[in-house]
Protein backbone atom coordinates (compact mmCIF):
# COMPACT_ATOMS: atom_id res chain seq x y z
CA MET A 1 -44.93 -20.90 30.35
CA PHE A 2 -45.33 -21.86 26.68
CA ASP A 3 -45.69 -25.47 27.91
CA LYS A 4 -48.39 -25.01 30.25
CA LEU A 5 -50.45 -22.90 27.51
CA ARG A 6 -49.96 -25.43 24.99
CA ARG A 7 -50.62 -28.37 27.45
CA LEU A 8 -54.19 -26.40 28.24
CA PHE A 9 -54.44 -25.54 24.57
CA LEU A 10 -54.03 -29.10 23.41
CA SER A 11 -56.30 -30.63 26.06
CA ASN A 12 -59.23 -28.51 24.52
CA ARG A 13 -58.33 -28.59 21.03
CA THR A 14 -61.13 -30.37 18.75
CA ALA A 15 -60.30 -30.88 15.12
CA ALA A 16 -62.97 -30.17 12.63
CA PRO A 17 -64.68 -33.21 11.43
CA VAL A 18 -64.44 -34.56 8.07
CA VAL A 19 -68.09 -34.53 6.93
CA GLU A 20 -69.01 -37.07 4.53
CA PRO A 21 -72.38 -37.20 3.06
CA ALA A 22 -74.07 -40.60 2.09
CA ALA A 23 -75.60 -39.18 -1.02
CA SER A 24 -72.77 -38.66 -3.31
CA SER A 25 -69.07 -39.08 -2.77
CA ARG A 26 -68.46 -36.01 -5.24
CA SER A 27 -69.86 -33.73 -3.04
CA ARG A 28 -67.95 -34.51 0.32
CA THR A 29 -66.96 -31.47 2.06
CA ARG A 30 -63.79 -31.25 4.26
CA GLN A 31 -63.47 -29.07 7.18
CA HIS A 32 -59.93 -27.53 8.33
CA ASN A 33 -58.97 -26.89 11.53
CA LEU A 34 -57.30 -23.66 12.94
CA PHE A 35 -53.55 -25.46 12.50
CA GLU A 36 -53.90 -26.80 8.98
CA ALA A 37 -55.14 -22.98 8.34
CA ALA A 38 -52.22 -21.42 10.16
CA ALA A 39 -49.32 -23.57 8.62
CA THR A 40 -50.97 -23.46 5.01
CA TYR A 41 -51.17 -19.57 5.79
CA VAL A 42 -47.59 -19.23 7.12
CA ALA A 43 -46.34 -21.49 4.31
CA ALA A 44 -48.00 -19.90 1.43
CA THR A 45 -46.82 -16.35 2.77
CA ALA A 46 -43.31 -17.77 2.88
CA ASP A 47 -43.58 -18.78 -0.91
CA ASP A 48 -45.49 -15.82 -1.59
CA ASP A 49 -48.51 -17.57 -3.00
CA GLN A 50 -51.89 -15.06 -2.64
CA ASP A 51 -54.04 -17.58 -3.98
CA ARG A 52 -53.07 -20.24 -1.12
CA MET A 53 -52.89 -17.48 1.57
CA ASP A 54 -56.71 -16.34 0.61
CA GLU A 55 -58.01 -20.21 0.45
CA ALA A 56 -56.47 -20.77 4.22
CA SER A 57 -57.96 -17.35 5.34
CA GLY A 58 -61.04 -18.96 4.38
CA TRP A 59 -61.05 -21.99 6.43
CA VAL A 60 -61.29 -20.14 9.65
CA SER A 61 -62.56 -17.11 11.11
CA PRO A 62 -59.77 -14.34 11.26
CA GLU A 63 -59.14 -14.59 15.20
CA ALA A 64 -58.69 -18.35 15.05
CA LEU A 65 -56.29 -18.02 11.88
CA SER A 66 -54.37 -15.28 14.18
CA PHE A 67 -54.25 -17.68 17.01
CA GLY A 68 -53.06 -20.54 14.92
CA VAL A 69 -50.30 -18.46 13.44
CA SER A 70 -49.11 -17.08 16.88
CA GLU A 71 -48.91 -20.81 18.06
CA LEU A 72 -47.19 -21.64 14.96
CA ALA A 73 -44.54 -19.00 15.65
CA CYS A 74 -43.98 -20.21 19.12
CA ARG A 75 -43.53 -23.51 18.41
CA ALA A 76 -40.88 -22.73 15.98
CA VAL A 77 -38.81 -20.40 18.32
CA ILE A 78 -38.91 -22.98 20.80
CA ALA A 79 -37.74 -25.78 18.33
CA LEU A 80 -35.05 -23.21 16.75
CA ALA A 81 -34.47 -22.32 20.73
CA ARG A 82 -33.70 -26.05 21.29
CA GLU A 83 -31.94 -26.80 18.25
CA ARG A 84 -29.57 -23.77 18.57
CA ASP A 85 -29.26 -24.12 22.17
CA GLU A 86 -30.06 -20.68 23.01
CA SER A 87 -33.22 -18.85 24.84
CA PRO A 88 -36.05 -18.62 23.08
CA GLN A 89 -35.92 -14.54 23.34
CA THR A 90 -32.75 -14.80 21.61
CA VAL A 91 -34.21 -16.58 18.74
CA ALA A 92 -37.00 -14.67 18.44
CA ARG A 93 -34.99 -11.53 18.37
CA SER A 94 -32.54 -12.83 15.88
CA LEU A 95 -35.44 -13.99 13.50
CA LEU A 96 -36.83 -10.35 13.56
CA GLY A 97 -33.47 -8.89 12.98
CA LEU A 98 -33.32 -7.36 16.49
CA PRO A 99 -30.13 -6.66 18.65
CA ALA A 100 -29.72 -9.02 21.50
CA ALA A 101 -31.35 -7.63 24.59
């Protein structure tokens, strides 16, 4: 199920372009995509860095950030499940400190 969702999402994904105005190299504006925002937000949360969390929160809409964090969580659980040779449910429950189902 996650593979189907990931393939569907990745096929429709568009990263925000880098905008480089011709007038001045100092006025370059770089727009971030939702995965950059999610990765920065989650890493900042793990580091307890409120300034970086606030910065990443401003890069995309709250809905996009929520989706990106959810996608990051899914990918992390899948990666850990493969690494541990366990089911994603077992890994997710373990990470949250829940008893095995």
